Amino acid sequence: MKERHVLGLSGGKDSAALAVHMNEKYPHIPIEYFFTDTGYELDETYKFLDKLKTRLSRPIKYICPTNTFDYFMKKYNNFLPSATARWCTVEMKLKPFEAWIAPSLKEGVQIYTYIGIRYDERGRVGYKPTNPLIKAKFPFVDDCIDREGVVDILENSGLGMPDYYKWRSRSGCQFCFFQRHVEWIG
């Protein structure tokens, strides 16, 4: 059976550290790195991805959703995404990813997707595959890498943390609902 190995990059610390970790510790796995670009990422996110490219032995594929954030805002009656209605993740990240791998699935290719859930988050599920040919892998859980380990990987690789962590607590998307109130104002 044919196989594909894919690793989605969010522009954040965990997925970037996972890419560096896989590139260094498992270079024999032909991982395809991808970034699903909503078009609403922070400038710091794009700059961090440019830095990350210099640490990987393979390119990063940029995938774009077929519609814009504004289109989906209208579709969802002008409701911003929230923790209980994560339409942005589904519409602008997961569906474009699934469309990208759909031809491989149609051919019966086994897809291994590498997820940056850390050892200290091992109760989280993350991406739930929609096809039995998609298998989620959690290298940080398998290799017992926690938040401190992620920071070490980024520091030791020379990447450091994404610059937006200087003024935000998480995510590189402008509209992330996980932002604190003060971050929305900023």
N, C-alpha and C. Protein backbone atom coordinates (compact mmCIF):
# COMPACT_ATOMS: atom_id res chain seq x y z
N MET A 1 0.83 -1.18 0.00
CA MET A 1 0.00 0.00 0.00
C MET A 1 0.88 1.24 0.00
N LYS A 2 0.52 2.19 -0.86
CA LYS A 2 1.24 3.46 -0.90
C LYS A 2 0.91 4.26 0.35
N GLU A 3 1.86 5.12 0.74
CA GLU A 3 1.71 5.95 1.94
C GLU A 3 2.11 7.38 1.63
N ARG A 4 1.47 8.31 2.36
CA ARG A 4 1.88 9.71 2.40
C ARG A 4 1.97 10.11 3.85
N HIS A 5 2.95 10.92 4.17
CA HIS A 5 3.15 11.44 5.52
C HIS A 5 3.05 12.96 5.44
N VAL A 6 2.10 13.54 6.19
CA VAL A 6 1.86 14.98 6.11
C VAL A 6 1.88 15.58 7.51
N LEU A 7 2.35 16.82 7.59
CA LEU A 7 2.41 17.53 8.86
C LEU A 7 1.94 18.96 8.63
N GLY A 8 0.81 19.30 9.24
CA GLY A 8 0.25 20.63 9.09
C GLY A 8 0.89 21.62 10.05
N LEU A 9 1.26 22.76 9.51
CA LEU A 9 1.86 23.83 10.28
C LEU A 9 0.82 24.93 10.50
N SER A 10 0.70 25.37 11.74
CA SER A 10 -0.25 26.44 12.05
C SER A 10 0.43 27.81 12.08
N GLY A 11 1.75 27.80 12.14
CA GLY A 11 2.48 29.04 12.35
C GLY A 11 2.78 29.26 13.82
N GLY A 12 2.40 28.28 14.65
CA GLY A 12 2.62 28.37 16.09
C GLY A 12 3.80 27.52 16.54
N LYS A 13 4.04 27.56 17.84
CA LYS A 13 5.22 26.91 18.41
C LYS A 13 5.18 25.39 18.31
N ASP A 14 4.03 24.77 18.62
CA ASP A 14 3.98 23.31 18.68
C ASP A 14 4.18 22.66 17.32
N SER A 15 3.46 23.14 16.31
CA SER A 15 3.60 22.51 14.99
C SER A 15 4.99 22.78 14.41
N ALA A 16 5.54 23.96 14.65
CA ALA A 16 6.89 24.27 14.16
C ALA A 16 7.91 23.37 14.83
N ALA A 17 7.80 23.22 16.15
CA ALA A 17 8.73 22.35 16.88
C ALA A 17 8.57 20.90 16.41
N LEU A 18 7.35 20.48 16.12
CA LEU A 18 7.14 19.12 15.63
C LEU A 18 7.82 18.93 14.28
N ALA A 19 7.71 19.92 13.41
CA ALA A 19 8.37 19.83 12.10
C ALA A 19 9.88 19.70 12.26
N VAL A 20 10.46 20.52 13.13
CA VAL A 20 11.91 20.46 13.37
C VAL A 20 12.27 19.10 13.98
N HIS A 21 11.50 18.66 14.94
CA HIS A 21 11.74 17.37 15.61
C HIS A 21 11.70 16.22 14.60
N MET A 22 10.68 16.20 13.75
CA MET A 22 10.55 15.12 12.77
C MET A 22 11.68 15.19 11.74
N ASN A 23 12.03 16.39 11.34
CA ASN A 23 13.10 16.59 10.36
C ASN A 23 14.44 16.10 10.90
N GLU A 24 14.69 16.32 12.21
CA GLU A 24 15.96 15.94 12.81
C GLU A 24 15.99 14.48 13.28
N LYS A 25 14.93 14.03 13.92
CA LYS A 25 14.92 12.70 14.53
C LYS A 25 14.43 11.59 13.61
N TYR A 26 13.64 11.95 12.62
CA TYR A 26 13.06 10.95 11.72
C TYR A 26 13.24 11.37 10.26
N PRO A 27 14.47 11.66 9.84
CA PRO A 27 14.68 12.16 8.47
C PRO A 27 14.32 11.14 7.39
N HIS A 28 14.22 9.87 7.76
CA HIS A 28 13.88 8.83 6.79
C HIS A 28 12.39 8.83 6.42
N ILE A 29 11.56 9.53 7.20
CA ILE A 29 10.14 9.62 6.89
C ILE A 29 9.95 10.78 5.90
N PRO A 30 9.40 10.50 4.72
CA PRO A 30 9.24 11.56 3.71
C PRO A 30 8.03 12.47 3.99
N ILE A 31 8.18 13.29 5.00
CA ILE A 31 7.07 14.14 5.43
C ILE A 31 6.87 15.32 4.48
N GLU A 32 5.60 15.55 4.15
CA GLU A 32 5.21 16.73 3.39
C GLU A 32 4.68 17.74 4.40
N TYR A 33 5.32 18.91 4.45
CA TYR A 33 4.88 19.97 5.35
C TYR A 33 3.90 20.86 4.60
N PHE A 34 2.81 21.25 5.28
CA PHE A 34 1.86 22.14 4.63
C PHE A 34 1.33 23.17 5.61
N PHE A 35 0.91 24.28 5.05
CA PHE A 35 0.32 25.37 5.82
C PHE A 35 -0.95 25.77 5.11
N THR A 36 -2.07 25.74 5.83
CA THR A 36 -3.34 26.16 5.24
C THR A 36 -3.52 27.63 5.57
N ASP A 37 -3.41 28.45 4.54
CA ASP A 37 -3.37 29.90 4.69
C ASP A 37 -4.77 30.49 4.56
N THR A 38 -5.29 31.01 5.66
CA THR A 38 -6.62 31.61 5.66
C THR A 38 -6.62 32.98 4.97
N GLY A 39 -5.43 33.56 4.82
CA GLY A 39 -5.34 34.92 4.30
C GLY A 39 -5.49 35.95 5.41
N TYR A 40 -5.71 35.49 6.63
CA TYR A 40 -5.90 36.38 7.77
C TYR A 40 -4.91 36.07 8.89
N GLU A 41 -3.77 35.56 8.51
CA GLU A 41 -2.73 35.29 9.50
C GLU A 41 -2.01 36.60 9.81
N LEU A 42 -1.42 36.65 10.96
CA LEU A 42 -0.61 37.81 11.34
C LEU A 42 0.66 37.85 10.51
N ASP A 43 1.21 39.03 10.28
CA ASP A 43 2.48 39.16 9.55
C ASP A 43 3.57 38.32 10.21
N GLU A 44 3.55 38.28 11.55
CA GLU A 44 4.56 37.51 12.28
C GLU A 44 4.47 36.02 11.96
N THR A 45 3.29 35.55 11.64
CA THR A 45 3.12 34.13 11.29
C THR A 45 3.87 33.82 10.00
N TYR A 46 3.69 34.65 8.99
CA TYR A 46 4.37 34.42 7.71
C TYR A 46 5.89 34.53 7.87
N LYS A 47 6.34 35.49 8.69
CA LYS A 47 7.78 35.63 8.92
C LYS A 47 8.34 34.41 9.64
N PHE A 48 7.58 33.87 10.60
CA PHE A 48 8.03 32.68 11.32
C PHE A 48 8.09 31.48 10.38
N LEU A 49 7.11 31.33 9.50
CA LEU A 49 7.14 30.24 8.52
C LEU A 49 8.35 30.38 7.60
N ASP A 50 8.68 31.60 7.20
CA ASP A 50 9.87 31.81 6.36
C ASP A 50 11.13 31.36 7.09
N LYS A 51 11.23 31.65 8.40
CA LYS A 51 12.37 31.18 9.20
C LYS A 51 12.38 29.66 9.29
N LEU A 52 11.20 29.08 9.51
CA LEU A 52 11.08 27.63 9.65
C LEU A 52 11.55 26.92 8.39
N LYS A 53 11.26 27.48 7.23
CA LYS A 53 11.67 26.87 5.95
C LYS A 53 13.17 26.62 5.92
N THR A 54 13.94 27.47 6.58
CA THR A 54 15.40 27.34 6.56
C THR A 54 15.88 26.18 7.45
N ARG A 55 15.00 25.63 8.28
CA ARG A 55 15.37 24.55 9.20
C ARG A 55 14.88 23.18 8.72
N LEU A 56 14.14 23.15 7.62
CA LEU A 56 13.56 21.89 7.14
C LEU A 56 14.23 21.46 5.84
N SER A 57 14.29 20.16 5.65
CA SER A 57 14.92 19.63 4.44
C SER A 57 13.95 19.51 3.27
N ARG A 58 12.69 19.82 3.51
CA ARG A 58 11.67 19.77 2.46
C ARG A 58 10.88 21.08 2.47
N PRO A 59 10.26 21.42 1.33
CA PRO A 59 9.50 22.68 1.28
C PRO A 59 8.20 22.60 2.06
N ILE A 60 7.60 23.76 2.27
CA ILE A 60 6.28 23.86 2.89
C ILE A 60 5.28 24.18 1.78
N LYS A 61 4.27 23.34 1.64
CA LYS A 61 3.21 23.55 0.66
C LYS A 61 2.17 24.47 1.28
N TYR A 62 1.80 25.54 0.56
CA TYR A 62 0.77 26.45 1.03
C TYR A 62 -0.55 26.07 0.36
N ILE A 63 -1.56 25.84 1.18
CA ILE A 63 -2.89 25.48 0.71
C ILE A 63 -3.82 26.63 1.07
N CYS A 64 -4.67 27.02 0.14
CA CYS A 64 -5.62 28.11 0.41
C CYS A 64 -7.05 27.59 0.33
N PRO A 65 -7.91 28.06 1.24
CA PRO A 65 -9.32 27.69 1.14
C PRO A 65 -9.93 28.31 -0.12
N THR A 66 -11.01 27.72 -0.60
CA THR A 66 -11.63 28.24 -1.82
C THR A 66 -12.40 29.52 -1.59
N ASN A 67 -12.78 29.80 -0.34
CA ASN A 67 -13.52 31.01 -0.01
C ASN A 67 -12.81 31.79 1.10
N THR A 68 -13.17 33.05 1.24
CA THR A 68 -12.52 33.93 2.21
C THR A 68 -13.25 33.91 3.55
N PHE A 69 -12.59 34.48 4.54
CA PHE A 69 -13.20 34.64 5.86
C PHE A 69 -14.50 35.43 5.75
N ASP A 70 -14.50 36.48 4.93
CA ASP A 70 -15.70 37.30 4.75
C ASP A 70 -16.86 36.47 4.19
N TYR A 71 -16.56 35.60 3.24
CA TYR A 71 -17.58 34.71 2.68
C TYR A 71 -18.19 33.85 3.79
N PHE A 72 -17.34 33.27 4.62
CA PHE A 72 -17.84 32.40 5.68
C PHE A 72 -18.57 33.19 6.77
N MET A 73 -18.15 34.43 7.01
CA MET A 73 -18.89 35.26 7.97
C MET A 73 -20.33 35.42 7.50
N LYS A 74 -20.52 35.67 6.21
CA LYS A 74 -21.89 35.80 5.68
C LYS A 74 -22.63 34.47 5.78
N LYS A 75 -21.94 33.39 5.44
CA LYS A 75 -22.55 32.06 5.50
C LYS A 75 -23.04 31.74 6.92
N TYR A 76 -22.28 32.17 7.92
CA TYR A 76 -22.62 31.90 9.32
C TYR A 76 -23.30 33.10 9.99
N ASN A 77 -24.02 33.90 9.19
CA ASN A 77 -24.83 35.01 9.69
C ASN A 77 -24.04 36.00 10.55
N ASN A 78 -22.82 36.30 10.13
CA ASN A 78 -21.95 37.28 10.78
C ASN A 78 -21.57 36.92 12.22
N PHE A 79 -21.61 35.63 12.55
CA PHE A 79 -21.15 35.18 13.85
C PHE A 79 -19.68 34.82 13.76
N LEU A 80 -18.89 35.43 14.62
CA LEU A 80 -17.48 35.07 14.69
C LEU A 80 -17.34 33.65 15.21
N PRO A 81 -16.29 32.97 14.82
CA PRO A 81 -16.06 31.62 15.36
C PRO A 81 -15.89 31.68 16.88
N SER A 82 -16.17 30.56 17.53
CA SER A 82 -16.01 30.47 18.98
C SER A 82 -15.57 29.05 19.33
N ALA A 83 -15.31 28.83 20.59
CA ALA A 83 -14.89 27.50 21.04
C ALA A 83 -15.98 26.46 20.79
N THR A 84 -17.25 26.89 20.75
CA THR A 84 -18.35 25.95 20.50
C THR A 84 -18.80 25.94 19.05
N ALA A 85 -18.35 26.90 18.26
CA ALA A 85 -18.69 26.97 16.84
C ALA A 85 -17.43 27.30 16.06
N ARG A 86 -16.56 26.32 15.91
CA ARG A 86 -15.25 26.53 15.30
C ARG A 86 -15.33 26.42 13.78
N TRP A 87 -16.21 27.17 13.18
CA TRP A 87 -16.38 27.05 11.74
C TRP A 87 -15.11 27.46 10.98
N CYS A 88 -14.31 28.35 11.54
CA CYS A 88 -13.09 28.77 10.86
C CYS A 88 -12.13 27.60 10.68
N THR A 89 -11.95 26.80 11.71
CA THR A 89 -11.06 25.65 11.63
C THR A 89 -11.58 24.64 10.62
N VAL A 90 -12.87 24.37 10.66
CA VAL A 90 -13.47 23.40 9.74
C VAL A 90 -13.39 23.89 8.31
N GLU A 91 -13.89 25.11 8.07
CA GLU A 91 -14.02 25.63 6.71
C GLU A 91 -12.69 26.08 6.09
N MET A 92 -11.82 26.66 6.91
CA MET A 92 -10.63 27.29 6.35
C MET A 92 -9.35 26.50 6.57
N LYS A 93 -9.41 25.46 7.37
CA LYS A 93 -8.22 24.63 7.62
C LYS A 93 -8.47 23.17 7.22
N LEU A 94 -9.48 22.54 7.84
CA LEU A 94 -9.69 21.10 7.64
C LEU A 94 -10.21 20.74 6.25
N LYS A 95 -11.21 21.47 5.77
CA LYS A 95 -11.75 21.15 4.44
C LYS A 95 -10.71 21.34 3.33
N PRO A 96 -9.93 22.43 3.34
CA PRO A 96 -8.87 22.54 2.32
C PRO A 96 -7.82 21.42 2.44
N PHE A 97 -7.47 21.04 3.67
CA PHE A 97 -6.55 19.92 3.88
C PHE A 97 -7.12 18.65 3.27
N GLU A 98 -8.37 18.36 3.57
CA GLU A 98 -9.00 17.14 3.06
C GLU A 98 -9.13 17.16 1.54
N ALA A 99 -9.37 18.34 0.96
CA ALA A 99 -9.43 18.45 -0.50
C ALA A 99 -8.05 18.19 -1.11
N TRP A 100 -7.00 18.65 -0.42
CA TRP A 100 -5.62 18.46 -0.90
C TRP A 100 -5.24 16.97 -0.93
N ILE A 101 -5.67 16.22 0.08
CA ILE A 101 -5.30 14.79 0.12
C ILE A 101 -6.33 13.89 -0.56
N ALA A 102 -7.47 14.44 -0.98
CA ALA A 102 -8.55 13.64 -1.57
C ALA A 102 -8.10 12.78 -2.75
N PRO A 103 -7.30 13.30 -3.69
CA PRO A 103 -6.87 12.43 -4.80
C PRO A 103 -6.09 11.20 -4.32
N SER A 104 -5.27 11.37 -3.29
CA SER A 104 -4.52 10.24 -2.74
C SER A 104 -5.46 9.23 -2.10
N LEU A 105 -6.44 9.72 -1.35
CA LEU A 105 -7.40 8.83 -0.71
C LEU A 105 -8.19 8.05 -1.76
N LYS A 106 -8.54 8.73 -2.84
CA LYS A 106 -9.28 8.08 -3.94
C LYS A 106 -8.48 6.93 -4.53
N GLU A 107 -7.16 7.07 -4.55
CA GLU A 107 -6.26 6.02 -5.05
C GLU A 107 -5.97 4.95 -4.00
N GLY A 108 -6.51 5.11 -2.79
CA GLY A 108 -6.28 4.13 -1.73
C GLY A 108 -4.98 4.31 -0.97
N VAL A 109 -4.40 5.50 -1.04
CA VAL A 109 -3.14 5.79 -0.36
C VAL A 109 -3.41 5.98 1.14
N GLN A 110 -2.59 5.36 1.96
CA GLN A 110 -2.65 5.54 3.42
C GLN A 110 -2.01 6.88 3.76
N ILE A 111 -2.74 7.73 4.48
CA ILE A 111 -2.24 9.05 4.87
C ILE A 111 -1.92 9.02 6.37
N TYR A 112 -0.70 9.37 6.71
CA TYR A 112 -0.31 9.54 8.10
C TYR A 112 -0.17 11.03 8.34
N THR A 113 -0.98 11.57 9.26
CA THR A 113 -0.90 12.98 9.57
C THR A 113 -0.32 13.14 10.97
N TYR A 114 0.71 13.95 11.07
CA TYR A 114 1.45 14.14 12.31
C TYR A 114 0.93 15.38 13.02
N ILE A 115 0.49 15.21 14.25
CA ILE A 115 -0.19 16.25 15.02
C ILE A 115 0.70 16.68 16.18
N GLY A 116 0.75 18.00 16.43
CA GLY A 116 1.64 18.56 17.45
C GLY A 116 1.06 18.60 18.85
N ILE A 117 0.24 17.64 19.21
CA ILE A 117 -0.23 17.58 20.60
C ILE A 117 0.93 17.07 21.45
N ARG A 118 1.21 17.81 22.53
CA ARG A 118 2.36 17.50 23.38
C ARG A 118 2.02 16.41 24.40
N TYR A 119 3.07 15.87 25.01
CA TYR A 119 2.93 14.85 26.04
C TYR A 119 2.08 15.35 27.20
N ASP A 120 2.24 16.63 27.58
CA ASP A 120 1.46 17.18 28.68
C ASP A 120 0.03 17.52 28.27
N GLU A 121 -0.34 17.28 27.03
CA GLU A 121 -1.70 17.48 26.53
C GLU A 121 -2.33 16.16 26.07
N ARG A 122 -1.75 15.05 26.43
CA ARG A 122 -2.11 13.75 25.83
C ARG A 122 -3.56 13.34 25.97
N GLY A 123 -4.36 14.06 26.74
CA GLY A 123 -5.79 13.77 26.83
C GLY A 123 -6.57 14.37 25.66
N ARG A 124 -5.96 15.34 24.97
CA ARG A 124 -6.62 15.98 23.82
C ARG A 124 -6.66 15.04 22.63
N VAL A 125 -7.66 15.21 21.80
CA VAL A 125 -7.80 14.37 20.62
C VAL A 125 -7.23 15.06 19.39
N GLY A 126 -7.56 16.34 19.19
CA GLY A 126 -7.11 17.04 18.00
C GLY A 126 -7.93 16.62 16.80
N TYR A 127 -7.29 16.52 15.66
CA TYR A 127 -7.94 16.19 14.39
C TYR A 127 -8.54 14.79 14.45
N LYS A 128 -9.80 14.70 14.05
CA LYS A 128 -10.48 13.41 13.97
C LYS A 128 -10.63 13.05 12.50
N PRO A 129 -9.86 12.09 12.01
CA PRO A 129 -9.92 11.75 10.58
C PRO A 129 -11.33 11.37 10.12
N THR A 130 -11.63 11.80 8.90
CA THR A 130 -12.93 11.54 8.31
C THR A 130 -12.91 10.33 7.39
N ASN A 131 -11.76 9.71 7.24
CA ASN A 131 -11.60 8.59 6.33
C ASN A 131 -10.70 7.55 7.03
N PRO A 132 -11.03 6.26 6.94
CA PRO A 132 -10.20 5.25 7.61
C PRO A 132 -8.77 5.15 7.07
N LEU A 133 -8.53 5.73 5.90
CA LEU A 133 -7.17 5.73 5.35
C LEU A 133 -6.29 6.82 5.98
N ILE A 134 -6.89 7.71 6.78
CA ILE A 134 -6.13 8.76 7.45
C ILE A 134 -5.86 8.32 8.88
N LYS A 135 -4.60 8.25 9.22
CA LYS A 135 -4.19 7.86 10.58
C LYS A 135 -3.44 9.01 11.23
N ALA A 136 -3.91 9.42 12.39
CA ALA A 136 -3.25 10.50 13.13
C ALA A 136 -2.11 9.92 13.97
N LYS A 137 -0.98 10.62 13.95
CA LYS A 137 0.18 10.23 14.75
C LYS A 137 0.53 11.40 15.68
N PHE A 138 1.01 11.05 16.88
CA PHE A 138 1.31 12.04 17.91
C PHE A 138 2.74 11.85 18.42
N PRO A 139 3.74 12.28 17.64
CA PRO A 139 5.13 12.05 18.02
C PRO A 139 5.55 12.66 19.35
N PHE A 140 5.00 13.84 19.72
CA PHE A 140 5.36 14.42 21.00
C PHE A 140 4.87 13.56 22.15
N VAL A 141 3.72 12.95 22.00
CA VAL A 141 3.21 12.04 23.03
C VAL A 141 4.10 10.81 23.08
N ASP A 142 4.38 10.23 21.91
CA ASP A 142 5.22 9.02 21.84
C ASP A 142 6.62 9.26 22.39
N ASP A 143 7.17 10.46 22.13
CA ASP A 143 8.54 10.78 22.55
C ASP A 143 8.60 11.56 23.87
N CYS A 144 7.45 11.67 24.56
CA CYS A 144 7.36 12.33 25.88
C CYS A 144 7.88 13.77 25.86
N ILE A 145 7.48 14.55 24.85
CA ILE A 145 7.91 15.95 24.74
C ILE A 145 6.76 16.84 25.20
N ASP A 146 7.05 17.62 26.25
CA ASP A 146 6.05 18.53 26.82
C ASP A 146 6.33 19.96 26.35
N ARG A 147 5.64 20.93 26.96
CA ARG A 147 5.80 22.33 26.55
C ARG A 147 7.26 22.78 26.67
N GLU A 148 7.91 22.43 27.77
CA GLU A 148 9.31 22.79 27.95
C GLU A 148 10.18 22.19 26.85
N GLY A 149 9.89 20.95 26.47
CA GLY A 149 10.62 20.30 25.38
C GLY A 149 10.41 21.01 24.05
N VAL A 150 9.20 21.48 23.80
CA VAL A 150 8.89 22.23 22.58
C VAL A 150 9.72 23.51 22.54
N VAL A 151 9.75 24.24 23.64
CA VAL A 151 10.53 25.48 23.71
C VAL A 151 12.01 25.17 23.49
N ASP A 152 12.51 24.08 24.08
CA ASP A 152 13.91 23.68 23.87
C ASP A 152 14.20 23.40 22.40
N ILE A 153 13.30 22.69 21.73
CA ILE A 153 13.49 22.39 20.30
C ILE A 153 13.60 23.69 19.50
N LEU A 154 12.69 24.63 19.77
CA LEU A 154 12.70 25.90 19.04
C LEU A 154 13.96 26.71 19.33
N GLU A 155 14.36 26.75 20.60
CA GLU A 155 15.57 27.51 20.96
C GLU A 155 16.81 26.86 20.36
N ASN A 156 16.93 25.54 20.49
CA ASN A 156 18.11 24.83 19.99
C ASN A 156 18.22 24.88 18.46
N SER A 157 17.10 25.04 17.78
CA SER A 157 17.13 25.11 16.32
C SER A 157 17.45 26.52 15.83
N GLY A 158 17.43 27.49 16.76
CA GLY A 158 17.67 28.88 16.39
C GLY A 158 16.41 29.62 15.97
N LEU A 159 15.27 28.95 15.99
CA LEU A 159 14.01 29.60 15.61
C LEU A 159 13.49 30.52 16.71
N GLY A 160 13.52 30.04 17.93
CA GLY A 160 12.88 30.75 19.01
C GLY A 160 11.37 30.71 18.84
N MET A 161 10.68 31.46 19.67
CA MET A 161 9.23 31.50 19.61
C MET A 161 8.77 32.46 18.51
N PRO A 162 7.58 32.22 17.93
CA PRO A 162 7.04 33.20 16.98
C PRO A 162 6.92 34.57 17.65
N ASP A 163 7.20 35.63 16.91
CA ASP A 163 7.21 36.98 17.48
C ASP A 163 5.87 37.40 18.06
N TYR A 164 4.77 36.86 17.55
CA TYR A 164 3.48 37.30 18.09
C TYR A 164 3.27 36.87 19.53
N TYR A 165 4.06 35.92 20.03
CA TYR A 165 3.94 35.55 21.44
C TYR A 165 4.41 36.67 22.37
N LYS A 166 5.03 37.70 21.81
CA LYS A 166 5.43 38.85 22.63
C LYS A 166 4.20 39.65 23.08
N TRP A 167 3.11 39.55 22.32
CA TRP A 167 1.91 40.32 22.66
C TRP A 167 0.62 39.52 22.61
N ARG A 168 0.73 38.22 22.30
CA ARG A 168 -0.45 37.35 22.26
C ARG A 168 -0.14 36.05 22.96
N SER A 169 -1.18 35.40 23.44
CA SER A 169 -0.98 34.15 24.16
C SER A 169 -0.98 32.93 23.24
N ARG A 170 -1.63 33.03 22.06
CA ARG A 170 -1.62 31.90 21.14
C ARG A 170 -2.17 32.29 19.78
N SER A 171 -1.90 31.44 18.82
CA SER A 171 -2.40 31.48 17.45
C SER A 171 -1.93 32.67 16.65
N GLY A 172 -1.72 32.40 15.38
CA GLY A 172 -1.28 33.44 14.46
C GLY A 172 -2.40 34.00 13.61
N CYS A 173 -3.64 33.56 13.81
CA CYS A 173 -4.76 34.06 13.03
C CYS A 173 -5.33 35.31 13.69
N GLN A 174 -5.64 36.31 12.89
CA GLN A 174 -6.16 37.57 13.41
C GLN A 174 -7.45 37.38 14.19
N PHE A 175 -8.27 36.42 13.79
CA PHE A 175 -9.61 36.27 14.37
C PHE A 175 -9.71 35.14 15.38
N CYS A 176 -8.60 34.65 15.88
CA CYS A 176 -8.66 33.50 16.78
C CYS A 176 -9.49 33.80 18.02
N PHE A 177 -10.46 32.96 18.25
CA PHE A 177 -11.36 33.13 19.40
C PHE A 177 -10.70 32.77 20.71
N PHE A 178 -9.51 32.18 20.67
CA PHE A 178 -8.80 31.86 21.89
C PHE A 178 -8.05 33.07 22.45
N GLN A 179 -8.10 34.19 21.74
CA GLN A 179 -7.43 35.39 22.23
C GLN A 179 -8.10 35.90 23.51
N ARG A 180 -7.29 36.52 24.33
CA ARG A 180 -7.84 37.20 25.50
C ARG A 180 -8.42 38.54 25.03
N HIS A 181 -9.28 39.11 25.84
CA HIS A 181 -9.94 40.38 25.49
C HIS A 181 -8.92 41.45 25.12
N VAL A 182 -7.88 41.60 25.91
CA VAL A 182 -6.87 42.62 25.67
C VAL A 182 -6.15 42.37 24.33
N GLU A 183 -6.04 41.12 23.91
CA GLU A 183 -5.40 40.80 22.63
C GLU A 183 -6.30 41.20 21.47
N TRP A 184 -7.61 41.02 21.62
CA TRP A 184 -8.54 41.48 20.59
C TRP A 184 -8.42 42.99 20.42
N ILE A 185 -8.32 43.70 21.50
CA ILE A 185 -8.20 45.15 21.44
C ILE A 185 -6.90 45.55 20.74
N GLY A 186 -5.81 44.83 21.06
CA GLY A 186 -4.52 45.11 20.45
C GLY A 186 -4.54 44.86 18.96
